[in-house]
PDB file of N, CA and C in Angstrom:
ATOM      1  N   UNK A   1       4.659   1.844 -10.265  1.00  0.00           N
ATOM      2  CA  UNK A   1       4.063   0.666  -9.660  1.00  0.00           C
ATOM      3  C   UNK A   1       5.098  -0.107  -8.861  1.00  0.00           C
ATOM      4  N   UNK A   2       6.307  -0.194  -9.381  1.00  0.00           N
ATOM      5  CA  UNK A   2       7.371  -0.927  -8.692  1.00  0.00           C
ATOM      6  C   UNK A   2       7.680  -0.284  -7.340  1.00  0.00           C
ATOM      7  N   UNK A   3       7.718   1.040  -7.306  1.00  0.00           N
ATOM      8  CA  UNK A   3       7.975   1.748  -6.052  1.00  0.00           C
ATOM      9  C   UNK A   3       6.870   1.449  -5.040  1.00  0.00           C
ATOM     10  N   UNK A   4       5.627   1.517  -5.480  1.00  0.00           N
ATOM     11  CA  UNK A   4       4.496   1.250  -4.591  1.00  0.00           C
ATOM     12  C   UNK A   4       4.561  -0.180  -4.074  1.00  0.00           C
ATOM     13  N   UNK A   5       4.904  -1.115  -4.934  1.00  0.00           N
ATOM     14  CA  UNK A   5       5.023  -2.516  -4.528  1.00  0.00           C
ATOM     15  C   UNK A   5       6.026  -2.664  -3.385  1.00  0.00           C
ATOM     16  N   UNK A   6       7.200  -2.075  -3.544  1.00  0.00           N
ATOM     17  CA  UNK A   6       8.244  -2.217  -2.529  1.00  0.00           C
ATOM     18  C   UNK A   6       7.907  -1.468  -1.238  1.00  0.00           C
ATOM     19  N   UNK A   7       7.286  -0.303  -1.355  1.00  0.00           N
ATOM     20  CA  UNK A   7       6.873   0.428  -0.157  1.00  0.00           C
ATOM     21  C   UNK A   7       5.804  -0.344   0.607  1.00  0.00           C
ATOM     22  N   UNK A   8       4.851  -0.906  -0.113  1.00  0.00           N
ATOM     23  CA  UNK A   8       3.798  -1.696   0.528  1.00  0.00           C
ATOM     24  C   UNK A   8       4.370  -2.938   1.190  1.00  0.00           C
ATOM     25  N   UNK A   9       5.265  -3.604   0.503  1.00  0.00           N
ATOM     26  CA  UNK A   9       5.887  -4.808   1.052  1.00  0.00           C
ATOM     27  C   UNK A   9       6.594  -4.483   2.364  1.00  0.00           C
ATOM     28  N   UNK A  10       7.312  -3.372   2.381  1.00  0.00           N
ATOM     29  CA  UNK A  10       8.016  -2.938   3.588  1.00  0.00           C
ATOM     30  C   UNK A  10       7.037  -2.609   4.709  1.00  0.00           C
ATOM     31  N   UNK A  11       5.964  -1.900   4.388  1.00  0.00           N
ATOM     32  CA  UNK A  11       4.955  -1.540   5.392  1.00  0.00           C
ATOM     33  C   UNK A  11       4.301  -2.784   5.985  1.00  0.00           C
ATOM     34  N   UNK A  12       3.984  -3.747   5.139  1.00  0.00           N
ATOM     35  CA  UNK A  12       3.317  -4.956   5.616  1.00  0.00           C
ATOM     36  C   UNK A  12       4.244  -5.811   6.472  1.00  0.00           C
ATOM     37  N   UNK A  13       5.541  -5.754   6.212  1.00  0.00           N
ATOM     38  CA  UNK A  13       6.494  -6.512   7.023  1.00  0.00           C
ATOM     39  C   UNK A  13       6.573  -5.974   8.441  1.00  0.00           C
ATOM     40  N   UNK A  14       6.436  -4.662   8.608  1.00  0.00           N
ATOM     41  CA  UNK A  14       6.530  -4.091   9.952  1.00  0.00           C
ATOM     42  C   UNK A  14       5.170  -4.001  10.648  1.00  0.00           C
ATOM     43  N   UNK A  15       4.096  -4.182   9.898  1.00  0.00           N
ATOM     44  CA  UNK A  15       2.749  -4.102  10.477  1.00  0.00           C
ATOM     45  C   UNK A  15       2.470  -5.335  11.332  1.00  0.00           C
ATOM     46  N   UNK A  16       1.767  -5.118  12.435  1.00  0.00           N
ATOM     47  CA  UNK A  16       1.408  -6.231  13.306  1.00  0.00           C
ATOM     48  C   UNK A  16       0.279  -7.073  12.706  1.00  0.00           C
ATOM     49  N   UNK A  17      -0.666  -6.404  12.078  1.00  0.00           N
ATOM     50  CA  UNK A  17      -1.835  -7.105  11.542  1.00  0.00           C
ATOM     51  C   UNK A  17      -2.124  -6.586  10.133  1.00  0.00           C
ATOM     52  N   UNK A  18      -1.954  -7.444   9.140  1.00  0.00           N
ATOM     53  CA  UNK A  18      -2.155  -7.036   7.745  1.00  0.00           C
ATOM     54  C   UNK A  18      -3.601  -6.657   7.452  1.00  0.00           C
ATOM     55  N   UNK A  19      -4.534  -7.206   8.228  1.00  0.00           N
ATOM     56  CA  UNK A  19      -5.944  -6.917   7.964  1.00  0.00           C
ATOM     57  C   UNK A  19      -6.329  -5.503   8.395  1.00  0.00           C
ATOM     58  N   UNK A  20      -5.503  -4.853   9.202  1.00  0.00           N
ATOM     59  CA  UNK A  20      -5.783  -3.496   9.664  1.00  0.00           C
ATOM     60  C   UNK A  20      -5.118  -2.432   8.796  1.00  0.00           C
ATOM     61  N   UNK A  21      -4.569  -2.838   7.652  1.00  0.00           N
ATOM     62  CA  UNK A  21      -3.893  -1.904   6.756  1.00  0.00           C
ATOM     63  C   UNK A  21      -4.877  -0.859   6.250  1.00  0.00           C
ATOM     64  N   UNK A  22      -4.495   0.408   6.334  1.00  0.00           N
ATOM     65  CA  UNK A  22      -5.330   1.506   5.865  1.00  0.00           C
ATOM     66  C   UNK A  22      -4.614   2.168   4.691  1.00  0.00           C
ATOM     67  N   UNK A  23      -5.126   1.970   3.502  1.00  0.00           N
ATOM     68  CA  UNK A  23      -4.439   2.492   2.322  1.00  0.00           C
ATOM     69  C   UNK A  23      -4.438   4.022   2.283  1.00  0.00           C
ATOM     70  N   UNK A  24      -5.423   4.665   2.892  1.00  0.00           N
ATOM     71  CA  UNK A  24      -5.448   6.131   2.907  1.00  0.00           C
ATOM     72  C   UNK A  24      -4.304   6.698   3.749  1.00  0.00           C
ATOM     73  N   UNK A  25      -4.036   6.076   4.885  1.00  0.00           N
ATOM     74  CA  UNK A  25      -2.909   6.500   5.723  1.00  0.00           C
ATOM     75  C   UNK A  25      -1.604   6.263   4.973  1.00  0.00           C
ATOM     76  N   UNK A  26      -1.504   5.115   4.306  1.00  0.00           N
ATOM     77  CA  UNK A  26      -0.316   4.799   3.508  1.00  0.00           C
ATOM     78  C   UNK A  26      -0.112   5.850   2.421  1.00  0.00           C
ATOM     79  N   UNK A  27      -1.177   6.220   1.734  1.00  0.00           N
ATOM     80  CA  UNK A  27      -1.079   7.203   0.652  1.00  0.00           C
ATOM     81  C   UNK A  27      -0.677   8.579   1.178  1.00  0.00           C
ATOM     82  N   UNK A  28      -1.211   8.970   2.321  1.00  0.00           N
ATOM     83  CA  UNK A  28      -0.822  10.255   2.911  1.00  0.00           C
ATOM     84  C   UNK A  28       0.645  10.247   3.309  1.00  0.00           C
ATOM     85  N   UNK A  29       1.091   9.144   3.889  1.00  0.00           N
ATOM     86  CA  UNK A  29       2.482   9.032   4.348  1.00  0.00           C
ATOM     87  C   UNK A  29       3.467   9.229   3.199  1.00  0.00           C
ATOM     88  N   UNK A  30       3.160   8.670   2.045  1.00  0.00           N
ATOM     89  CA  UNK A  30       4.066   8.737   0.897  1.00  0.00           C
ATOM     90  C   UNK A  30       3.633   9.769  -0.147  1.00  0.00           C
ATOM     91  N   UNK A  31       2.675  10.617   0.228  1.00  0.00           N
ATOM     92  CA  UNK A  31       2.214  11.716  -0.633  1.00  0.00           C
ATOM     93  C   UNK A  31       1.731  11.238  -2.011  1.00  0.00           C
ATOM     94  N   UNK A  32       0.933  10.180  -1.983  1.00  0.00           N
ATOM     95  CA  UNK A  32       0.317   9.659  -3.206  1.00  0.00           C
ATOM     96  C   UNK A  32      -1.087  10.255  -3.281  1.00  0.00           C
ATOM     97  N   UNK A  33      -1.406  10.909  -4.389  1.00  0.00           N
ATOM     98  CA  UNK A  33      -2.641  11.693  -4.427  1.00  0.00           C
ATOM     99  C   UNK A  33      -3.607  11.354  -5.549  1.00  0.00           C
ATOM    100  N   UNK A  34      -3.160  10.673  -6.572  1.00  0.00           N
ATOM    101  CA  UNK A  34      -4.031  10.482  -7.731  1.00  0.00           C
ATOM    102  C   UNK A  34      -4.867   9.210  -7.614  1.00  0.00           C
ATOM    103  N   UNK A  35      -5.886   9.147  -8.425  1.00  0.00           N
ATOM    104  CA  UNK A  35      -6.720   7.951  -8.480  1.00  0.00           C
ATOM    105  C   UNK A  35      -5.903   6.772  -9.002  1.00  0.00           C
ATOM    106  N   UNK A  36      -4.981   7.049  -9.916  1.00  0.00           N
ATOM    107  CA  UNK A  36      -4.105   5.988 -10.429  1.00  0.00           C
ATOM    108  C   UNK A  36      -3.250   5.424  -9.297  1.00  0.00           C
ATOM    109  N   UNK A  37      -2.727   6.295  -8.432  1.00  0.00           N
ATOM    110  CA  UNK A  37      -1.953   5.831  -7.275  1.00  0.00           C
ATOM    111  C   UNK A  37      -2.820   4.957  -6.373  1.00  0.00           C
ATOM    112  N   UNK A  38      -4.031   5.409  -6.112  1.00  0.00           N
ATOM    113  CA  UNK A  38      -4.951   4.662  -5.254  1.00  0.00           C
ATOM    114  C   UNK A  38      -5.221   3.278  -5.829  1.00  0.00           C
ATOM    115  N   UNK A  39      -5.471   3.215  -7.115  1.00  0.00           N
ATOM    116  CA  UNK A  39      -5.735   1.938  -7.774  1.00  0.00           C
ATOM    117  C   UNK A  39      -4.536   1.006  -7.661  1.00  0.00           C
ATOM    118  N   UNK A  40      -3.343   1.547  -7.891  1.00  0.00           N
ATOM    119  CA  UNK A  40      -2.135   0.721  -7.800  1.00  0.00           C
ATOM    120  C   UNK A  40      -1.898   0.232  -6.375  1.00  0.00           C
ATOM    121  N   UNK A  41      -2.134   1.089  -5.386  1.00  0.00           N
ATOM    122  CA  UNK A  41      -1.958   0.688  -3.989  1.00  0.00           C
ATOM    123  C   UNK A  41      -2.904  -0.459  -3.656  1.00  0.00           C
ATOM    124  N   UNK A  42      -4.165  -0.324  -4.048  1.00  0.00           N
ATOM    125  CA  UNK A  42      -5.143  -1.378  -3.769  1.00  0.00           C
ATOM    126  C   UNK A  42      -4.770  -2.686  -4.465  1.00  0.00           C
ATOM    127  N   UNK A  43      -4.388  -2.610  -5.737  1.00  0.00           N
ATOM    128  CA  UNK A  43      -4.024  -3.815  -6.489  1.00  0.00           C
ATOM    129  C   UNK A  43      -2.787  -4.486  -5.904  1.00  0.00           C
ATOM    130  N   UNK A  44      -1.778  -3.703  -5.574  1.00  0.00           N
ATOM    131  CA  UNK A  44      -0.552  -4.272  -5.017  1.00  0.00           C
ATOM    132  C   UNK A  44      -0.801  -4.869  -3.639  1.00  0.00           C
ATOM    133  N   UNK A  45      -1.637  -4.235  -2.841  1.00  0.00           N
ATOM    134  CA  UNK A  45      -1.988  -4.783  -1.531  1.00  0.00           C
ATOM    135  C   UNK A  45      -2.639  -6.160  -1.695  1.00  0.00           C
ATOM    136  N   UNK A  46      -3.590  -6.241  -2.594  1.00  0.00           N
ATOM    137  CA  UNK A  46      -4.270  -7.522  -2.817  1.00  0.00           C
ATOM    138  C   UNK A  46      -3.308  -8.578  -3.355  1.00  0.00           C
ATOM    139  N   UNK A  47      -2.373  -8.182  -4.206  1.00  0.00           N
ATOM    140  CA  UNK A  47      -1.379  -9.127  -4.719  1.00  0.00           C
ATOM    141  C   UNK A  47      -0.467  -9.636  -3.610  1.00  0.00           C
ATOM    142  N   UNK A  48      -0.115  -8.771  -2.686  1.00  0.00           N
ATOM    143  CA  UNK A  48       0.816  -9.157  -1.622  1.00  0.00           C
ATOM    144  C   UNK A  48       0.162  -9.999  -0.535  1.00  0.00           C
ATOM    145  N   UNK A  49      -1.078  -9.719  -0.200  1.00  0.00           N
ATOM    146  CA  UNK A  49      -1.721 -10.469   0.884  1.00  0.00           C
ATOM    147  C   UNK A  49      -2.595 -11.610   0.369  1.00  0.00           C
ATOM    148  N   UNK A  50      -2.936 -11.562  -0.886  1.00  0.00           N
ATOM    149  CA  UNK A  50      -3.835 -12.559  -1.450  1.00  0.00           C
ATOM    150  C   UNK A  50      -3.170 -13.779  -1.835  1.00  0.00           C
TER     151      UNK A  50
END
């Protein structure tokens, strides 16, 4: 979870528009494949932008 948090934070810092974030593209980029990974990505995204 900590790794996903830091990767997401880095991605959002370089992104022009946080509302256009696509978690599927993010998951493919970092080779995240499980449902647990997907859940963590979604939760961390909401924590960072919310």
